[in-house]
């Protein structure tokens, strides 16, 4: 080894071995050069090996990420579940900023909107990772907002998304998360505006259209909701979310055959089950649809059972809690009904729709004060929300609390403005309770003039009772007729339509009872049929 390392061989060695010097020189030179070359060759081969493998891994990751992103564009449960499976093939997605952000958004959506429990911890992990790295991306903030909504912190999500929108962030997902946060708080009208702002930025984000439909359904705008769903179904007829909401719409509006709705619910549940990823919230929604369908047919016990199952799967599904409350109230179990409405109120303390439903159902059974208590809770939870004061003032008026009705109506005008339709309605109903018929009638007309969007059934219904108190049965007949036919046209709740027919029949009987006996009987039969099943 020392000979190889010497730069010059000894003379003795050269002499004693004639020719050996040249041989030794040749041999030593070969070894001296060959070893570094071999080392370099080995290092080069090793580098090439790692290069090829690194490039192969890079290509594999990129390919899977692109496939996952493409699959997720369907933006429904099926697509998101498939995209998650594809991302999982990558391995440790936390190694890449891009995949970390994608999985943050994807996992938070699966957890927040579908209740996929296994996605909660990963969603939090991806959000934390993207935050610690300082990744300023819409995916990070949207994912965090979805998580907050799922945790019952919709107000915090709203604040963050509103701030980003005001800063000029033009990303449709920001507006979707904002709309979801508003919808979770029962502010459907504001949610509608937010989602429409998002659609103007990007029409191809399907989740915007499904949320749009839900905001419209919450406001009773069924034609608009159907149109929003068609935006999806025309290009993707198999879209799971859109089909579920379409079934909900058909059930609420009662424009589908009950047997067919049940079959479609069952079929869609089977289809979702084949995806292989449990979606409790989606299952709860479909179960709720079955319960609402049952109540529409007068199957009250089946409705209660379905509502309980839906709530067990999704403890945030306030629609199922309202359904249970409405069903119990129909059975005369008012204390239990109130408890169900309170359960919904605990989930969404500022949701006015819960209070409206509670008062309507409980007041129909002579228990209006129980419903007022729910409305008061909502007012106390967010006293600066002017929209709570009109329904509360009207509720006070209906149970005979005249001074409270007047004070609350004044508060509505203070918060919403003296030209606001709902505030004027509240003022008119308070005046009616105070037996100031002339001013009440005048204010009702002002409310109708301020209201946009066609006939206002609720106002006509109250005007009918005003005319009844004045014994102006002809005008009462006309008002109840307008209210009932408008509710029918807009596919309002069956109990409301039944109330309309009963009131209309009473006015017509007082006005032209002898001549209209057949019509009166038909109206009352219609009301009874609506209450016992369509």
Protein backbone atom coordinates (compact mmCIF):
# COMPACT_ATOMS: atom_id res chain seq x y z
CA UNK A 1 0.00 0.00 0.00
CA UNK A 2 3.04 2.26 0.77
CA UNK A 3 4.45 1.57 -2.71
CA UNK A 4 1.26 2.73 -4.28
CA UNK A 5 1.30 5.84 -2.18
CA UNK A 6 4.99 6.72 -2.93
CA UNK A 7 5.47 9.15 -5.76
CA UNK A 8 8.80 7.41 -6.70
CA UNK A 9 9.85 3.71 -6.18
CA UNK A 10 13.23 2.92 -4.53
CA UNK A 11 16.31 2.15 -6.68
CA UNK A 12 16.85 -1.15 -4.90
CA UNK A 13 13.55 -2.40 -5.88
CA UNK A 14 14.16 -1.30 -9.42
CA UNK A 15 17.47 -3.04 -9.71
CA UNK A 16 16.62 -6.37 -8.08
CA UNK A 17 13.67 -6.66 -10.32
CA UNK A 18 14.65 -5.72 -13.83
CA UNK A 19 11.70 -4.46 -15.67
CA UNK A 20 9.81 -4.43 -12.49
CA UNK A 21 10.14 -0.68 -12.19
CA UNK A 22 8.26 -0.14 -15.39
CA UNK A 23 5.85 -2.71 -14.38
CA UNK A 24 5.64 -1.25 -10.93
CA UNK A 25 5.36 2.25 -12.37
CA UNK A 26 2.66 1.14 -14.72
CA UNK A 27 0.80 -0.76 -12.07
CA UNK A 28 1.17 1.96 -9.44
CA UNK A 29 -0.04 4.62 -11.92
CA UNK A 30 -3.06 2.56 -12.86
CA UNK A 31 -4.13 2.00 -9.29
CA UNK A 32 -3.39 5.59 -8.34
CA UNK A 33 -5.63 6.88 -11.13
CA UNK A 34 -8.24 4.17 -11.11
CA UNK A 35 -9.29 4.52 -7.50
CA UNK A 36 -10.33 8.20 -7.72
CA UNK A 37 -12.01 7.48 -11.02
CA UNK A 38 -13.89 4.59 -9.47
CA UNK A 39 -14.84 6.75 -6.54
CA UNK A 40 -16.00 9.51 -8.86
CA UNK A 41 -17.84 6.98 -10.97
CA UNK A 42 -19.47 5.49 -7.89
CA UNK A 43 -20.46 8.90 -6.60
CA UNK A 44 -21.75 9.84 -10.02
CA UNK A 45 -23.70 6.62 -10.35
CA UNK A 46 -25.07 7.09 -6.84
CA UNK A 47 -26.00 10.68 -7.66
CA UNK A 48 -27.65 9.57 -10.88
CA UNK A 49 -29.51 6.88 -8.96
CA UNK A 50 -30.78 9.41 -6.44
CA UNK A 51 -31.48 11.93 -9.18
CA UNK A 52 -33.54 9.44 -11.11
CA UNK A 53 -35.35 8.33 -7.97
CA UNK A 54 -35.87 11.90 -6.82
CA UNK A 55 -37.21 12.87 -10.20
CA UNK A 56 -39.36 9.77 -10.19
CA UNK A 57 -40.74 10.66 -6.75
CA UNK A 58 -41.25 14.26 -7.82
CA UNK A 59 -43.13 13.13 -10.90
CA UNK A 60 -45.20 10.66 -8.85
CA UNK A 61 -46.19 13.31 -6.30
CA UNK A 62 -47.00 15.88 -8.96
CA UNK A 63 -49.07 13.39 -10.94
CA UNK A 64 -51.08 12.30 -7.89
CA UNK A 65 -51.59 15.90 -6.78
CA UNK A 66 -52.85 16.88 -10.23
CA UNK A 67 -55.19 13.88 -10.31
CA UNK A 68 -56.51 14.72 -6.85
CA UNK A 69 -57.04 18.36 -7.78
CA UNK A 70 -58.90 17.33 -10.94
CA UNK A 71 -61.12 14.87 -9.07
CA UNK A 72 -61.97 17.45 -6.41
CA UNK A 73 -63.39 19.85 -8.99
CA UNK A 74 -66.76 18.11 -8.77
CA UNK A 75 -66.84 19.78 -5.34
CA UNK A 76 -69.28 17.30 -3.83
CA UNK A 77 -68.86 14.57 -1.25
CA UNK A 78 -68.01 11.89 -3.81
CA UNK A 79 -65.32 14.03 -5.44
CA UNK A 80 -63.80 15.22 -2.18
CA UNK A 81 -63.68 11.68 -0.78
CA UNK A 82 -61.96 10.42 -3.95
CA UNK A 83 -59.51 13.33 -3.89
CA UNK A 84 -58.63 12.56 -0.28
CA UNK A 85 -57.86 8.96 -1.23
CA UNK A 86 -55.64 10.17 -4.06
CA UNK A 87 -53.73 12.59 -1.82
CA UNK A 88 -53.28 9.79 0.71
CA UNK A 89 -51.35 7.82 -1.94
CA UNK A 90 -48.72 10.57 -1.95
CA UNK A 91 -47.65 9.72 1.59
CA UNK A 92 -46.42 12.55 3.76
CA UNK A 93 -48.16 15.50 2.13
CA UNK A 94 -46.75 17.78 4.83
CA UNK A 95 -43.46 17.74 2.92
CA UNK A 96 -44.98 20.00 0.28
CA UNK A 97 -46.54 23.41 0.88
CA UNK A 98 -48.92 22.98 -2.03
CA UNK A 99 -50.27 19.62 -0.88
CA UNK A 100 -50.41 20.79 2.74
CA UNK A 101 -52.66 23.68 1.75
CA UNK A 102 -54.79 21.49 -0.51
CA UNK A 103 -55.30 18.92 2.24
CA UNK A 104 -56.06 21.67 4.78
CA UNK A 105 -58.95 22.86 2.66
CA UNK A 106 -60.10 19.38 1.65
CA UNK A 107 -60.00 17.89 5.16
CA UNK A 108 -61.72 20.86 6.77
CA UNK A 109 -64.50 20.68 4.17
CA UNK A 110 -65.02 16.99 4.79
CA UNK A 111 -65.17 17.55 8.52
CA UNK A 112 -67.23 20.75 8.58
CA UNK A 113 -69.77 20.10 5.85
CA UNK A 114 -70.06 16.31 5.94
CA UNK A 115 -69.10 15.40 9.50
CA UNK A 116 -66.24 13.06 8.52
CA UNK A 117 -64.76 12.61 12.00
CA UNK A 118 -61.49 11.13 10.73
CA UNK A 119 -60.77 14.39 8.90
CA UNK A 120 -60.87 16.60 12.01
CA UNK A 121 -57.36 15.92 13.35
CA UNK A 122 -55.67 16.04 9.91
CA UNK A 123 -57.48 19.29 9.09
CA UNK A 124 -56.19 20.86 12.29
CA UNK A 125 -52.69 19.52 11.60
CA UNK A 126 -52.60 20.91 8.05
CA UNK A 127 -53.94 24.28 9.16
CA UNK A 128 -51.37 24.46 11.98
CA UNK A 129 -48.57 23.49 9.59
CA UNK A 130 -49.55 26.08 6.99
CA UNK A 131 -49.85 28.70 9.73
CA UNK A 132 -46.45 27.93 11.28
CA UNK A 133 -44.82 28.16 7.85
CA UNK A 134 -46.51 31.49 7.24
CA UNK A 135 -48.24 30.30 4.07
CA UNK A 136 -50.37 33.28 3.08
CA UNK A 137 -52.93 31.48 0.97
CA UNK A 138 -56.71 31.45 0.68
CA UNK A 139 -56.76 27.70 1.33
CA UNK A 140 -55.26 28.21 4.78
CA UNK A 141 -57.75 30.88 5.87
CA UNK A 142 -60.75 29.15 4.34
CA UNK A 143 -59.80 25.86 5.99
CA UNK A 144 -59.50 27.61 9.34
CA UNK A 145 -62.92 29.23 8.81
CA UNK A 146 -64.55 25.87 8.02
CA UNK A 147 -63.05 24.43 11.21
CA UNK A 148 -64.37 27.34 13.26
CA UNK A 149 -67.87 26.87 11.82
CA UNK A 150 -67.73 23.17 12.71
CA UNK A 151 -66.71 24.06 16.27
CA UNK A 152 -69.64 26.45 16.70
CA UNK A 153 -67.51 29.57 16.20
CA UNK A 154 -69.29 30.88 13.13
CA UNK A 155 -69.02 34.47 14.36
CA UNK A 156 -65.22 34.25 14.44
CA UNK A 157 -65.17 32.73 10.97
CA UNK A 158 -67.42 35.53 9.73
CA UNK A 159 -65.10 38.19 11.18
CA UNK A 160 -62.01 36.74 9.49
CA UNK A 161 -63.65 36.23 6.10
CA UNK A 162 -65.26 39.68 6.19
CA UNK A 163 -61.89 41.26 6.96
CA UNK A 164 -60.24 39.47 4.05
CA UNK A 165 -63.02 40.47 1.67
CA UNK A 166 -62.65 44.12 2.78
CA UNK A 167 -58.91 43.87 2.17
CA UNK A 168 -59.69 43.08 -1.44
CA UNK A 169 -58.96 39.34 -1.48
CA UNK A 170 -60.71 38.17 -4.64
CA UNK A 171 -61.07 34.46 -4.02
CA UNK A 172 -64.47 32.78 -4.39
CA UNK A 173 -63.71 30.37 -1.55
CA UNK A 174 -63.45 33.28 0.90
CA UNK A 175 -67.00 34.28 0.02
CA UNK A 176 -68.22 30.71 0.31
CA UNK A 177 -66.80 30.39 3.82
CA UNK A 178 -68.34 33.76 4.69
CA UNK A 179 -71.74 32.62 3.39
CA UNK A 180 -71.51 29.38 5.38
CA UNK A 181 -70.66 31.29 8.56
CA UNK A 182 -73.64 33.60 8.05
CA UNK A 183 -75.98 30.72 7.24
CA UNK A 184 -74.89 28.92 10.41
CA UNK A 185 -76.06 31.99 12.33
CA UNK A 186 -79.44 32.03 10.58
CA UNK A 187 -78.67 35.10 8.47
CA UNK A 188 -79.78 33.69 5.15
CA UNK A 189 -80.28 37.01 3.37
CA UNK A 190 -76.73 38.15 4.13
CA UNK A 191 -75.41 34.70 3.23
CA UNK A 192 -77.16 34.95 -0.13
CA UNK A 193 -75.35 38.20 -0.91
CA UNK A 194 -71.98 36.75 0.10
CA UNK A 195 -72.41 33.67 -2.05
CA UNK A 196 -73.55 35.72 -5.03
CA UNK A 197 -70.42 37.85 -4.67
CA UNK A 198 -68.42 34.62 -4.81
CA UNK A 199 -70.22 33.39 -7.92
CA UNK A 200 -69.34 36.62 -9.69
CA UNK A 201 -65.69 35.80 -9.06
CA UNK A 202 -65.85 32.13 -10.05
CA UNK A 203 -68.95 30.43 -11.42
CA UNK A 204 -67.30 27.02 -11.58
CA UNK A 205 -66.98 26.52 -7.82
CA UNK A 206 -69.91 24.18 -7.29
CA UNK A 207 -70.06 24.57 -3.52
CA UNK A 208 -71.13 28.19 -4.09
CA UNK A 209 -74.23 27.04 -5.98
CA UNK A 210 -75.29 24.46 -3.38
CA UNK A 211 -74.90 27.04 -0.61
CA UNK A 212 -76.77 29.55 -2.78
CA UNK A 213 -79.67 27.11 -3.03
CA UNK A 214 -79.69 26.61 0.75
CA UNK A 215 -79.76 30.36 1.43
CA UNK A 216 -82.73 30.73 -0.91
CA UNK A 217 -84.58 27.76 0.58
CA UNK A 218 -84.16 29.31 4.04
CA UNK A 219 -85.93 32.43 2.73
CA UNK A 220 -88.71 30.51 0.95
CA UNK A 221 -87.37 31.47 -2.49
CA UNK A 222 -87.90 28.06 -4.02
CA UNK A 223 -87.79 28.98 -7.72
CA UNK A 224 -84.42 30.66 -7.24
CA UNK A 225 -83.12 27.66 -5.32
CA UNK A 226 -84.16 25.31 -8.14
CA UNK A 227 -82.34 27.54 -10.62
CA UNK A 228 -79.18 27.52 -8.48
CA UNK A 229 -79.19 23.72 -8.39
CA UNK A 230 -79.63 23.52 -12.15
CA UNK A 231 -76.36 25.44 -12.52
CA UNK A 232 -74.71 22.28 -11.20
CA UNK A 233 -76.91 19.48 -12.44
CA UNK A 234 -76.80 20.60 -16.07
CA UNK A 235 -73.07 19.95 -16.16
CA UNK A 236 -72.86 17.22 -13.51
CA UNK A 237 -76.12 15.30 -13.18
CA UNK A 238 -74.62 12.97 -10.58
CA UNK A 239 -73.55 15.70 -8.16
CA UNK A 240 -74.34 14.18 -4.75
CA UNK A 241 -74.80 17.41 -2.80
CA UNK A 242 -77.01 19.06 -5.42
CA UNK A 243 -79.23 16.00 -5.66
CA UNK A 244 -79.67 15.88 -1.87
CA UNK A 245 -80.62 19.57 -1.72
CA UNK A 246 -82.94 19.10 -4.70
CA UNK A 247 -84.77 16.40 -2.72
CA UNK A 248 -84.96 18.80 0.23
CA UNK A 249 -86.43 21.48 -2.01
CA UNK A 250 -89.00 19.11 -3.48
CA UNK A 251 -90.04 18.00 0.00
CA UNK A 252 -90.35 21.52 1.42
CA UNK A 253 -92.23 22.79 -1.63
CA UNK A 254 -94.25 19.57 -1.80
CA UNK A 255 -93.85 19.35 -5.58
CA UNK A 256 -92.72 15.74 -5.60
CA UNK A 257 -94.66 12.55 -4.94
CA UNK A 258 -94.01 11.40 -1.34
CA UNK A 259 -93.27 7.80 -2.37
CA UNK A 260 -90.80 8.91 -5.01
CA UNK A 261 -89.02 11.20 -2.54
CA UNK A 262 -88.60 8.32 -0.08
CA UNK A 263 -87.21 6.10 -2.85
CA UNK A 264 -84.75 8.78 -3.98
CA UNK A 265 -83.59 9.34 -0.41
CA UNK A 266 -82.95 5.62 0.00
CA UNK A 267 -81.16 5.40 -3.35
CA UNK A 268 -78.90 8.34 -2.56
CA UNK A 269 -78.07 6.91 0.86
CA UNK A 270 -77.01 3.64 -0.79
CA UNK A 271 -74.89 5.52 -3.30
CA UNK A 272 -73.14 7.48 -0.56
CA UNK A 273 -72.57 4.27 1.39
CA UNK A 274 -70.69 2.81 -1.58
CA UNK A 275 -68.17 5.66 -1.45
CA UNK A 276 -66.68 4.04 1.63
CA UNK A 277 -66.33 7.15 3.78
CA UNK A 278 -68.97 7.87 6.42
CA UNK A 279 -70.67 11.27 6.04
CA UNK A 280 -72.93 11.63 9.11
CA UNK A 281 -74.11 15.16 8.25
CA UNK A 282 -75.13 14.20 4.75
CA UNK A 283 -76.90 11.12 6.09
CA UNK A 284 -78.63 13.32 8.70
CA UNK A 285 -79.85 15.71 6.01
CA UNK A 286 -81.37 12.85 4.02
CA UNK A 287 -82.99 11.42 7.17
CA UNK A 288 -84.42 14.85 7.95
CA UNK A 289 -85.91 14.97 4.43
CA UNK A 290 -87.62 11.66 5.13
CA UNK A 291 -89.00 13.07 8.38
CA UNK A 292 -90.29 16.23 6.74
CA UNK A 293 -91.87 14.11 4.02
CA UNK A 294 -93.57 12.06 6.75
CA UNK A 295 -94.91 15.16 8.50
CA UNK A 296 -96.30 16.45 5.21
CA UNK A 297 -98.30 13.23 5.03
CA UNK A 298 -99.54 13.56 8.60
CA UNK A 299 -97.26 10.79 9.87
CA UNK A 300 -96.23 12.71 12.98
CA UNK A 301 -94.63 9.86 14.91
CA UNK A 302 -92.51 8.89 11.89
CA UNK A 303 -91.44 12.52 11.59
CA UNK A 304 -90.33 12.60 15.24
CA UNK A 305 -88.44 9.32 14.87
CA UNK A 306 -86.63 10.59 11.76
CA UNK A 307 -85.81 13.88 13.48
CA UNK A 308 -84.28 12.03 16.44
CA UNK A 309 -82.15 9.88 14.12
CA UNK A 310 -81.00 12.92 12.16
CA UNK A 311 -80.05 14.78 15.35
CA UNK A 312 -78.10 11.75 16.58
CA UNK A 313 -76.04 11.85 13.37
CA UNK A 314 -75.65 15.62 13.30
CA UNK A 315 -76.03 17.47 16.59
CA UNK A 316 -75.93 20.79 14.70
CA UNK A 317 -78.84 20.12 12.33
CA UNK A 318 -81.28 22.74 13.59
CA UNK A 319 -83.77 21.88 10.83
CA UNK A 320 -84.28 18.46 12.41
CA UNK A 321 -84.78 20.07 15.83
CA UNK A 322 -87.36 22.46 14.37
CA UNK A 323 -89.07 19.51 12.68
CA UNK A 324 -89.22 17.69 15.99
CA UNK A 325 -90.61 20.78 17.73
CA UNK A 326 -93.26 21.30 15.04
CA UNK A 327 -94.27 17.64 15.23
CA UNK A 328 -94.52 17.62 19.02
CA UNK A 329 -96.56 20.84 18.96
CA UNK A 330 -98.96 19.22 16.51
CA UNK A 331 -99.46 16.45 19.08
CA UNK A 332 -100.10 19.04 21.80
CA UNK A 333 -96.84 18.24 23.60
CA UNK A 334 -95.89 21.87 23.99
CA UNK A 335 -93.31 21.59 26.76
CA UNK A 336 -91.42 18.95 24.79
CA UNK A 337 -91.74 21.03 21.64
CA UNK A 338 -90.28 24.05 23.44
CA UNK A 339 -87.37 21.91 24.62
CA UNK A 340 -86.63 20.92 21.02
CA UNK A 341 -86.66 24.55 19.88
CA UNK A 342 -84.37 25.41 22.80
CA UNK A 343 -82.00 22.68 21.67
CA UNK A 344 -81.85 24.33 18.25
CA UNK A 345 -81.39 27.73 19.90
CA UNK A 346 -78.43 26.40 21.90
CA UNK A 347 -76.75 25.37 18.63
CA UNK A 348 -77.50 28.66 16.88
CA UNK A 349 -78.32 31.31 19.54
CA UNK A 350 -78.93 34.15 17.07
CA UNK A 351 -80.94 32.22 14.49
CA UNK A 352 -84.24 34.09 14.13
CA UNK A 353 -85.84 31.33 12.04
CA UNK A 354 -85.88 29.10 15.10
CA UNK A 355 -87.81 31.71 17.06
CA UNK A 356 -90.29 32.29 14.27
CA UNK A 357 -91.00 28.57 13.94
CA UNK A 358 -91.29 28.12 17.68
CA UNK A 359 -93.75 30.96 18.13
CA UNK A 360 -95.90 29.99 15.12
CA UNK A 361 -96.31 26.37 16.21
CA UNK A 362 -96.73 27.06 19.91
CA UNK A 363 -99.08 30.02 19.47
CA UNK A 364 -101.31 27.90 17.24
CA UNK A 365 -101.84 25.67 20.27
CA UNK A 366 -102.51 28.60 22.59
CA UNK A 367 -98.99 28.50 24.03
CA UNK A 368 -97.62 31.66 22.45
CA UNK A 369 -95.77 32.76 25.59
CA UNK A 370 -93.51 29.70 25.28
CA UNK A 371 -92.60 30.81 21.78
CA UNK A 372 -92.03 34.39 22.91
CA UNK A 373 -89.48 33.07 25.41
CA UNK A 374 -87.42 31.63 22.52
CA UNK A 375 -87.57 34.93 20.62
CA UNK A 376 -86.47 36.80 23.73
CA UNK A 377 -83.46 34.50 24.09
CA UNK A 378 -82.44 35.32 20.53
CA UNK A 379 -82.82 39.06 21.21
CA UNK A 380 -80.70 38.81 24.35
CA UNK A 381 -78.01 36.88 22.48
CA UNK A 382 -77.59 39.65 19.90
CA UNK A 383 -79.50 42.81 20.89
CA UNK A 384 -77.90 44.87 18.12
CA UNK A 385 -79.47 42.72 15.41
CA UNK A 386 -82.48 44.80 14.37
CA UNK A 387 -84.07 41.89 12.49
CA UNK A 388 -85.14 40.18 15.73
CA UNK A 389 -87.41 43.04 16.85
CA UNK A 390 -90.19 42.79 14.21
CA UNK A 391 -91.07 39.12 14.89
CA UNK A 392 -90.79 39.69 18.64
CA UNK A 393 -93.07 42.76 18.49
CA UNK A 394 -95.62 40.83 16.41
CA UNK A 395 -95.46 37.92 18.86
CA UNK A 396 -96.07 40.25 21.81
CA UNK A 397 -99.04 41.75 19.98
CA UNK A 398 -100.56 38.35 19.25
CA UNK A 399 -100.45 37.25 22.90
CA UNK A 400 -101.90 40.57 24.07
CA UNK A 401 -98.79 42.23 25.52
CA UNK A 402 -99.65 45.57 23.98
CA UNK A 403 -97.09 47.82 25.68
CA UNK A 404 -94.28 45.34 25.02
CA UNK A 405 -95.40 45.14 21.38
CA UNK A 406 -95.34 48.94 20.99
CA UNK A 407 -91.95 49.32 22.67
CA UNK A 408 -90.41 46.52 20.62
CA UNK A 409 -91.88 47.88 17.38
CA UNK A 410 -90.29 51.25 18.16
CA UNK A 411 -87.00 49.45 18.69
CA UNK A 412 -87.41 47.79 15.28
CA UNK A 413 -87.89 51.19 13.63
CA UNK A 414 -84.90 52.59 15.52
CA UNK A 415 -82.67 49.72 14.37
CA UNK A 416 -84.00 49.17 10.83
CA UNK A 417 -85.36 52.60 9.86
CA UNK A 418 -88.89 53.99 9.67
CA UNK A 419 -89.19 52.98 6.02
CA UNK A 420 -88.25 49.33 6.58
CA UNK A 421 -91.04 46.94 5.58
CA UNK A 422 -90.61 44.56 8.53
CA UNK A 423 -90.44 47.42 11.03
CA UNK A 424 -93.64 48.91 9.57
CA UNK A 425 -95.35 45.52 9.80
CA UNK A 426 -94.37 45.30 13.48
CA UNK A 427 -95.67 48.81 14.14
CA UNK A 428 -98.97 48.05 12.39
CA UNK A 429 -99.49 44.86 14.39
CA UNK A 430 -98.76 46.70 17.64
CA UNK A 431 -101.30 49.39 16.69
CA UNK A 432 -103.81 46.65 15.90
CA UNK A 433 -103.25 45.12 19.35
CA UNK A 434 -103.84 48.58 20.84
CA UNK A 435 -107.15 48.71 18.92
CA UNK A 436 -106.01 51.68 16.87
CA UNK A 437 -107.56 50.30 13.70
CA UNK A 438 -107.26 53.38 11.53
CA UNK A 439 -103.53 53.89 12.10
CA UNK A 440 -102.93 50.15 11.91
CA UNK A 441 -104.59 49.93 8.49
CA UNK A 442 -102.59 52.91 7.24
CA UNK A 443 -99.31 51.41 8.48
CA UNK A 444 -100.10 48.04 6.93
CA UNK A 445 -100.45 49.80 3.58
CA UNK A 446 -97.10 51.51 4.13
CA UNK A 447 -95.52 48.13 4.87
CA UNK A 448 -96.96 46.65 1.67
CA UNK A 449 -95.65 49.61 -0.34
CA UNK A 450 -92.17 49.19 1.18
CA UNK A 451 -92.07 45.44 0.57
CA UNK A 452 -90.60 44.21 -2.68
CA UNK A 453 -91.26 40.83 -4.23
CA UNK A 454 -95.00 40.51 -4.70
CA UNK A 455 -97.92 39.95 -2.28
CA UNK A 456 -97.07 39.64 1.41
CA UNK A 457 -99.17 36.84 2.83
CA UNK A 458 -98.36 37.50 6.50
CA UNK A 459 -99.52 41.11 6.27
CA UNK A 460 -102.75 40.21 4.46
CA UNK A 461 -103.46 37.56 7.09
CA UNK A 462 -103.15 40.07 9.94
CA UNK A 463 -105.15 42.64 7.98
CA UNK A 464 -107.88 40.04 7.69
CA UNK A 465 -108.11 39.77 11.47
CA UNK A 466 -108.14 43.56 11.74
CA UNK A 467 -111.13 43.70 9.40
CA UNK A 468 -112.80 40.88 11.30
CA UNK A 469 -112.53 42.91 14.53
CA UNK A 470 -114.25 45.78 12.71
CA UNK A 471 -116.93 43.39 11.42
CA UNK A 472 -115.95 44.30 7.86
CA UNK A 473 -116.32 40.71 6.74
CA UNK A 474 -116.17 41.46 3.03
CA UNK A 475 -112.73 43.07 3.38
CA UNK A 476 -111.64 40.28 5.73
CA UNK A 477 -112.71 37.69 3.15
CA UNK A 478 -110.59 39.44 0.49
CA UNK A 479 -107.56 39.72 2.80
CA UNK A 480 -107.65 36.07 3.92
CA UNK A 481 -108.15 34.96 0.33
CA UNK A 482 -105.03 36.89 -0.74
CA UNK A 483 -102.99 35.50 2.18
CA UNK A 484 -104.03 31.89 1.60
CA UNK A 485 -103.56 31.91 -2.16
CA UNK A 486 -100.14 33.55 -1.77
CA UNK A 487 -99.06 30.92 0.76
CA UNK A 488 -100.29 28.22 -1.60
CA UNK A 489 -98.39 29.72 -4.52
CA UNK A 490 -95.19 30.08 -2.52
CA UNK A 491 -95.56 26.57 -1.08
CA UNK A 492 -95.48 27.78 2.52
CA UNK A 493 -95.65 25.41 5.49
CA UNK A 494 -98.79 23.32 5.44
CA UNK A 495 -99.87 24.57 8.87
CA UNK A 496 -99.76 28.17 7.66
CA UNK A 497 -101.88 27.36 4.62
CA UNK A 498 -104.32 25.47 6.86
CA UNK A 499 -104.56 28.53 9.11
CA UNK A 500 -105.33 30.60 6.05
CA UNK A 501 -108.15 28.33 4.90
CA UNK A 502 -109.69 28.25 8.37
CA UNK A 503 -109.60 32.04 8.66
CA UNK A 504 -110.88 32.51 5.12
CA UNK A 505 -113.75 30.09 5.78
CA UNK A 506 -114.69 32.00 8.94
CA UNK A 507 -114.74 35.35 7.13
CA UNK A 508 -116.71 33.98 4.20
CA UNK A 509 -119.19 32.36 6.56
CA UNK A 510 -119.74 35.69 8.33
CA UNK A 511 -119.98 37.51 5.01
CA UNK A 512 -121.98 35.15 2.78
CA UNK A 513 -122.59 32.04 4.83
CA UNK A 514 -125.92 31.03 3.25
CA UNK A 515 -124.76 31.40 -0.33
CA UNK A 516 -121.31 29.89 0.13
CA UNK A 517 -121.92 26.82 2.27
CA UNK A 518 -120.26 24.43 -0.18
CA UNK A 519 -117.17 26.62 -0.59
CA UNK A 520 -116.86 27.02 3.17
CA UNK A 521 -117.04 23.26 3.70
CA UNK A 522 -114.37 22.71 1.04
CA UNK A 523 -112.05 25.24 2.71
CA UNK A 524 -112.35 23.61 6.09
CA UNK A 525 -111.88 20.17 4.59
CA UNK A 526 -108.75 21.45 2.83
CA UNK A 527 -107.39 22.81 6.12
CA UNK A 528 -108.03 19.50 7.85
CA UNK A 529 -106.42 17.53 5.04
CA UNK A 530 -103.32 19.73 5.17
CA UNK A 531 -102.96 19.10 8.88
CA UNK A 532 -103.50 15.35 8.77
CA UNK A 533 -101.52 14.75 5.60
CA UNK A 534 -101.19 15.82 2.01
